[in-house]
Amino acid sequence: MNKGAVHFMRVIAAITFTIAAGIPSAFAGPKEVALLSAYIGEWSGASVLQGGDKPEPFTCRLTVDKGNQAKINYAGRCTLVNMNLSVSGTIAYDDASRTFQAIMGSNAGYKGVAVGRVQGDKITFDLAEKQTDKAGRPVRLGASITLQGSNSIIVAYQVEFNDSGKVLTATVPFAK
């Protein structure tokens, strides 16, 4: 596995679900509960990491379970050559702000919170963050997580290494 791919997967672990803190108690109505419940199940996806020394394929699995109240919990794992990335979190509807919110964390120790935008049958969570890698170099991170209909989850990643301008990307479509 090339050095860029290893760093990309570590950065993705940081951002994939760069979401921390706490989702307020959810008191969602039947519509919001039904929407989130549609994603309960086993999901899988595959993609190719672009922008490194060479394209590198990887596979992912994601489990979505019913959580407390009107929440769903998820746990996932992606494998790129000999590296594993794991993520977990909760998605809920917050009545006070009238938004879907996601708490996310990874095995790389990154955590965060993202607010979802609803457009038709889609909920999109956009994440953008600036970090430094282990060597202290600046890195710009971006991820978009889209829940679409009840049969699709799409996760798109982008990592830009500010010192080199190199950009690594991947889009992972998940299906049940």
C-alpha atoms as a PDB file:
ATOM      1  CA  MET A   1       0.000   0.000   0.000  1.00  0.00           C
ATOM      2  CA  ASN A   2       1.434   3.404  -0.895  1.00  0.00           C
ATOM      3  CA  LYS A   3       2.221   5.974   1.782  1.00  0.00           C
ATOM      4  CA  GLY A   4      -0.500   8.358   0.538  1.00  0.00           C
ATOM      5  CA  ALA A   5      -3.152   5.629   0.821  1.00  0.00           C
ATOM      6  CA  VAL A   6      -2.141   4.830   4.400  1.00  0.00           C
ATOM      7  CA  HIS A   7      -2.306   8.506   5.319  1.00  0.00           C
ATOM      8  CA  PHE A   8      -5.627   8.897   3.480  1.00  0.00           C
ATOM      9  CA  MET A   9      -7.211   6.043   5.446  1.00  0.00           C
ATOM     10  CA  ARG A  10      -5.952   7.517   8.720  1.00  0.00           C
ATOM     11  CA  VAL A  11      -7.325  10.909   7.760  1.00  0.00           C
ATOM     12  CA  ILE A  12     -10.611   9.317   6.677  1.00  0.00           C
ATOM     13  CA  ALA A  13     -10.808   7.614  10.051  1.00  0.00           C
ATOM     14  CA  ALA A  14     -10.500  11.098  11.431  1.00  0.00           C
ATOM     15  CA  ILE A  15     -13.257  12.581   9.365  1.00  0.00           C
ATOM     16  CA  THR A  16     -15.448   9.782   8.143  1.00  0.00           C
ATOM     17  CA  PHE A  17     -17.572  10.492  10.783  1.00  0.00           C
ATOM     18  CA  THR A  18     -15.816  13.422  12.327  1.00  0.00           C
ATOM     19  CA  ILE A  19     -18.665  14.040  14.601  1.00  0.00           C
ATOM     20  CA  ALA A  20     -18.555  14.438  18.502  1.00  0.00           C
ATOM     21  CA  ALA A  21     -20.274  15.959  21.475  1.00  0.00           C
ATOM     22  CA  GLY A  22     -23.887  14.920  21.993  1.00  0.00           C
ATOM     23  CA  ILE A  23     -27.106  14.810  20.075  1.00  0.00           C
ATOM     24  CA  PRO A  24     -29.902  16.333  22.140  1.00  0.00           C
ATOM     25  CA  SER A  25     -32.776  14.067  23.116  1.00  0.00           C
ATOM     26  CA  ALA A  26     -34.873  13.277  20.081  1.00  0.00           C
ATOM     27  CA  PHE A  27     -38.637  13.587  20.125  1.00  0.00           C
ATOM     28  CA  ALA A  28     -39.214  13.026  16.433  1.00  0.00           C
ATOM     29  CA  GLY A  29     -42.627  12.462  14.968  1.00  0.00           C
ATOM     30  CA  PRO A  30     -43.703   9.374  13.020  1.00  0.00           C
ATOM     31  CA  LYS A  31     -42.353  10.754   9.725  1.00  0.00           C
ATOM     32  CA  GLU A  32     -38.820  11.243  11.075  1.00  0.00           C
ATOM     33  CA  VAL A  33     -38.843   7.901  12.913  1.00  0.00           C
ATOM     34  CA  ALA A  34     -39.968   6.088   9.747  1.00  0.00           C
ATOM     35  CA  LEU A  35     -37.329   7.839   7.669  1.00  0.00           C
ATOM     36  CA  LEU A  36     -34.482   6.834   9.987  1.00  0.00           C
ATOM     37  CA  SER A  37     -35.857   3.307  10.543  1.00  0.00           C
ATOM     38  CA  ALA A  38     -35.722   2.634   6.798  1.00  0.00           C
ATOM     39  CA  TYR A  39     -31.910   2.468   7.061  1.00  0.00           C
ATOM     40  CA  ILE A  40     -31.833  -0.317   9.660  1.00  0.00           C
ATOM     41  CA  GLY A  41     -29.984  -3.331   8.278  1.00  0.00           C
ATOM     42  CA  GLU A  42     -26.701  -4.600   6.878  1.00  0.00           C
ATOM     43  CA  TRP A  43     -25.004  -2.511   4.174  1.00  0.00           C
ATOM     44  CA  SER A  44     -21.929  -3.056   2.008  1.00  0.00           C
ATOM     45  CA  GLY A  45     -19.981  -0.985  -0.479  1.00  0.00           C
ATOM     46  CA  ALA A  46     -16.784  -0.818  -2.477  1.00  0.00           C
ATOM     47  CA  SER A  47     -14.753   1.930  -4.055  1.00  0.00           C
ATOM     48  CA  VAL A  48     -11.370   2.966  -5.349  1.00  0.00           C
ATOM     49  CA  LEU A  49      -9.076   5.494  -3.715  1.00  0.00           C
ATOM     50  CA  GLN A  50      -8.063   8.042  -6.372  1.00  0.00           C
ATOM     51  CA  GLY A  51      -5.181  10.537  -6.363  1.00  0.00           C
ATOM     52  CA  GLY A  52      -2.484   8.392  -4.780  1.00  0.00           C
ATOM     53  CA  ASP A  53       0.441   6.736  -6.536  1.00  0.00           C
ATOM     54  CA  LYS A  54      -2.072   4.324  -8.072  1.00  0.00           C
ATOM     55  CA  PRO A  55      -5.827   3.700  -7.663  1.00  0.00           C
ATOM     56  CA  GLU A  56      -6.444   1.317  -4.743  1.00  0.00           C
ATOM     57  CA  PRO A  57      -9.688  -0.638  -4.302  1.00  0.00           C
ATOM     58  CA  PHE A  58     -11.277  -1.088  -0.885  1.00  0.00           C
ATOM     59  CA  THR A  59     -14.448  -2.595   0.587  1.00  0.00           C
ATOM     60  CA  CYS A  60     -16.740  -1.496   3.431  1.00  0.00           C
ATOM     61  CA  ARG A  61     -19.484  -2.939   5.625  1.00  0.00           C
ATOM     62  CA  LEU A  62     -21.980  -0.963   7.689  1.00  0.00           C
ATOM     63  CA  THR A  63     -24.558  -2.102  10.250  1.00  0.00           C
ATOM     64  CA  VAL A  64     -27.430   0.213  11.198  1.00  0.00           C
ATOM     65  CA  ASP A  65     -29.502  -0.702  14.285  1.00  0.00           C
ATOM     66  CA  LYS A  66     -32.441   0.869  16.099  1.00  0.00           C
ATOM     67  CA  GLY A  67     -31.284   3.041  18.966  1.00  0.00           C
ATOM     68  CA  ASN A  68     -33.122   4.570  21.915  1.00  0.00           C
ATOM     69  CA  GLN A  69     -36.096   6.821  21.206  1.00  0.00           C
ATOM     70  CA  ALA A  70     -36.058   8.052  17.584  1.00  0.00           C
ATOM     71  CA  LYS A  71     -32.382   7.295  16.948  1.00  0.00           C
ATOM     72  CA  ILE A  72     -30.423   4.867  14.826  1.00  0.00           C
ATOM     73  CA  ASN A  73     -26.939   3.636  15.668  1.00  0.00           C
ATOM     74  CA  TYR A  74     -24.369   2.604  13.093  1.00  0.00           C
ATOM     75  CA  ALA A  75     -21.031   0.825  13.072  1.00  0.00           C
ATOM     76  CA  GLY A  76     -18.888   0.295   9.999  1.00  0.00           C
ATOM     77  CA  ARG A  77     -15.541  -0.956   8.822  1.00  0.00           C
ATOM     78  CA  CYS A  78     -13.566  -0.386   5.617  1.00  0.00           C
ATOM     79  CA  THR A  79     -10.520  -2.360   4.532  1.00  0.00           C
ATOM     80  CA  LEU A  80      -7.849  -0.921   2.247  1.00  0.00           C
ATOM     81  CA  VAL A  81      -5.101  -3.452   1.488  1.00  0.00           C
ATOM     82  CA  ASN A  82      -3.914  -4.234   5.053  1.00  0.00           C
ATOM     83  CA  MET A  83      -5.533  -1.380   6.967  1.00  0.00           C
ATOM     84  CA  ASN A  84      -8.910  -1.241   8.724  1.00  0.00           C
ATOM     85  CA  LEU A  85     -10.948   1.867   9.421  1.00  0.00           C
ATOM     86  CA  SER A  86     -13.846   1.609  11.856  1.00  0.00           C
ATOM     87  CA  VAL A  87     -16.529   4.202  12.532  1.00  0.00           C
ATOM     88  CA  SER A  88     -19.573   4.343  14.762  1.00  0.00           C
ATOM     89  CA  GLY A  89     -22.194   6.806  15.866  1.00  0.00           C
ATOM     90  CA  THR A  90     -25.824   7.817  16.177  1.00  0.00           C
ATOM     91  CA  ILE A  91     -28.228   9.715  13.918  1.00  0.00           C
ATOM     92  CA  ALA A  92     -31.365  11.344  15.334  1.00  0.00           C
ATOM     93  CA  TYR A  93     -33.913  14.055  14.661  1.00  0.00           C
ATOM     94  CA  ASP A  94     -33.789  17.024  17.047  1.00  0.00           C
ATOM     95  CA  ASP A  95     -37.174  18.717  17.427  1.00  0.00           C
ATOM     96  CA  ALA A  96     -35.732  21.895  18.942  1.00  0.00           C
ATOM     97  CA  SER A  97     -33.607  22.688  15.888  1.00  0.00           C
ATOM     98  CA  ARG A  98     -35.780  20.704  13.441  1.00  0.00           C
ATOM     99  CA  THR A  99     -32.708  19.022  12.033  1.00  0.00           C
ATOM    100  CA  PHE A 100     -31.245  15.575  11.685  1.00  0.00           C
ATOM    101  CA  GLN A 101     -27.973  15.344  13.581  1.00  0.00           C
ATOM    102  CA  ALA A 102     -25.221  12.751  13.590  1.00  0.00           C
ATOM    103  CA  ILE A 103     -22.627  11.970  16.238  1.00  0.00           C
ATOM    104  CA  MET A 104     -19.714  10.157  14.696  1.00  0.00           C
ATOM    105  CA  GLY A 105     -16.358   8.816  15.804  1.00  0.00           C
ATOM    106  CA  SER A 106     -13.584   6.613  14.462  1.00  0.00           C
ATOM    107  CA  ASN A 107     -10.850   4.273  15.613  1.00  0.00           C
ATOM    108  CA  ALA A 108      -8.374   7.083  14.865  1.00  0.00           C
ATOM    109  CA  GLY A 109      -9.769   9.116  17.750  1.00  0.00           C
ATOM    110  CA  TYR A 110     -11.578  11.796  15.752  1.00  0.00           C
ATOM    111  CA  LYS A 111     -15.086  12.812  16.752  1.00  0.00           C
ATOM    112  CA  GLY A 112     -17.625  15.436  15.767  1.00  0.00           C
ATOM    113  CA  VAL A 113     -21.240  16.421  15.048  1.00  0.00           C
ATOM    114  CA  ALA A 114     -22.843  17.128  11.678  1.00  0.00           C
ATOM    115  CA  VAL A 115     -26.259  18.575  10.867  1.00  0.00           C
ATOM    116  CA  GLY A 116     -28.179  16.983   7.993  1.00  0.00           C
ATOM    117  CA  ARG A 117     -29.859  18.865   5.141  1.00  0.00           C
ATOM    118  CA  VAL A 118     -33.131  17.372   3.920  1.00  0.00           C
ATOM    119  CA  GLN A 119     -33.878  17.607   0.197  1.00  0.00           C
ATOM    120  CA  GLY A 120     -36.725  15.439  -1.020  1.00  0.00           C
ATOM    121  CA  ASP A 121     -35.903  11.834  -0.066  1.00  0.00           C
ATOM    122  CA  LYS A 122     -32.275  12.667   0.827  1.00  0.00           C
ATOM    123  CA  ILE A 123     -30.546  13.667   4.059  1.00  0.00           C
ATOM    124  CA  THR A 124     -27.010  14.932   3.499  1.00  0.00           C
ATOM    125  CA  PHE A 125     -24.424  15.474   6.227  1.00  0.00           C
ATOM    126  CA  ASP A 126     -21.472  17.615   5.104  1.00  0.00           C
ATOM    127  CA  LEU A 127     -18.254  17.720   7.047  1.00  0.00           C
ATOM    128  CA  ALA A 128     -15.320  20.039   6.466  1.00  0.00           C
ATOM    129  CA  GLU A 129     -12.371  20.443   8.755  1.00  0.00           C
ATOM    130  CA  LYS A 130      -8.755  21.467   8.823  1.00  0.00           C
ATOM    131  CA  GLN A 131      -6.382  19.191  10.714  1.00  0.00           C
ATOM    132  CA  THR A 132      -2.706  18.506  10.969  1.00  0.00           C
ATOM    133  CA  ASP A 133      -1.250  15.098  10.284  1.00  0.00           C
ATOM    134  CA  LYS A 134       1.149  13.304  12.647  1.00  0.00           C
ATOM    135  CA  ALA A 135       4.077  15.210  11.132  1.00  0.00           C
ATOM    136  CA  GLY A 136       2.358  18.561  11.845  1.00  0.00           C
ATOM    137  CA  ARG A 137       1.519  19.294   8.201  1.00  0.00           C
ATOM    138  CA  PRO A 138      -1.854  20.947   7.407  1.00  0.00           C
ATOM    139  CA  VAL A 139      -4.584  18.807   5.820  1.00  0.00           C
ATOM    140  CA  ARG A 140      -8.056  19.887   4.618  1.00  0.00           C
ATOM    141  CA  LEU A 141     -10.701  17.192   5.107  1.00  0.00           C
ATOM    142  CA  GLY A 142     -14.124  16.887   3.556  1.00  0.00           C
ATOM    143  CA  ALA A 143     -16.832  14.242   3.623  1.00  0.00           C
ATOM    144  CA  SER A 144     -20.403  14.037   2.494  1.00  0.00           C
ATOM    145  CA  ILE A 145     -22.728  11.345   3.809  1.00  0.00           C
ATOM    146  CA  THR A 146     -26.048  10.987   1.987  1.00  0.00           C
ATOM    147  CA  LEU A 147     -28.974   8.839   3.098  1.00  0.00           C
ATOM    148  CA  GLN A 148     -31.135   8.511  -0.019  1.00  0.00           C
ATOM    149  CA  GLY A 149     -34.539   6.894  -0.265  1.00  0.00           C
ATOM    150  CA  SER A 150     -34.392   3.829   1.921  1.00  0.00           C
ATOM    151  CA  ASN A 151     -32.025   1.862  -0.273  1.00  0.00           C
ATOM    152  CA  SER A 152     -28.862   3.933  -0.600  1.00  0.00           C
ATOM    153  CA  ILE A 153     -26.135   5.430   1.542  1.00  0.00           C
ATOM    154  CA  ILE A 154     -23.340   7.288  -0.257  1.00  0.00           C
ATOM    155  CA  VAL A 155     -20.166   8.450   1.456  1.00  0.00           C
ATOM    156  CA  ALA A 156     -17.753  10.726  -0.449  1.00  0.00           C
ATOM    157  CA  TYR A 157     -14.347  11.748   0.915  1.00  0.00           C
ATOM    158  CA  GLN A 158     -11.775  14.340  -0.062  1.00  0.00           C
ATOM    159  CA  VAL A 159      -8.419  14.981   1.600  1.00  0.00           C
ATOM    160  CA  GLU A 160      -6.154  17.803   0.432  1.00  0.00           C
ATOM    161  CA  PHE A 161      -2.583  17.959   1.663  1.00  0.00           C
ATOM    162  CA  ASN A 162      -1.943  21.684   1.825  1.00  0.00           C
ATOM    163  CA  ASP A 163       1.853  21.446   1.658  1.00  0.00           C
ATOM    164  CA  SER A 164       1.806  19.438  -1.598  1.00  0.00           C
ATOM    165  CA  GLY A 165      -1.611  20.262  -3.045  1.00  0.00           C
ATOM    166  CA  LYS A 166      -2.203  16.519  -3.521  1.00  0.00           C
ATOM    167  CA  VAL A 167      -5.895  15.530  -3.301  1.00  0.00           C
ATOM    168  CA  LEU A 168      -7.127  12.011  -2.493  1.00  0.00           C
ATOM    169  CA  THR A 169     -10.779  11.156  -3.125  1.00  0.00           C
ATOM    170  CA  ALA A 170     -13.168   8.234  -2.834  1.00  0.00           C
ATOM    171  CA  THR A 171     -16.923   7.790  -3.172  1.00  0.00           C
ATOM    172  CA  VAL A 172     -18.476   4.688  -1.587  1.00  0.00           C
ATOM    173  CA  PRO A 173     -22.029   3.704  -2.566  1.00  0.00           C
ATOM    174  CA  PHE A 174     -23.582   1.359   0.021  1.00  0.00           C
ATOM    175  CA  ALA A 175     -26.490  -1.013  -0.638  1.00  0.00           C
ATOM    176  CA  LYS A 176     -28.394  -3.513   1.524  1.00  0.00           C
END
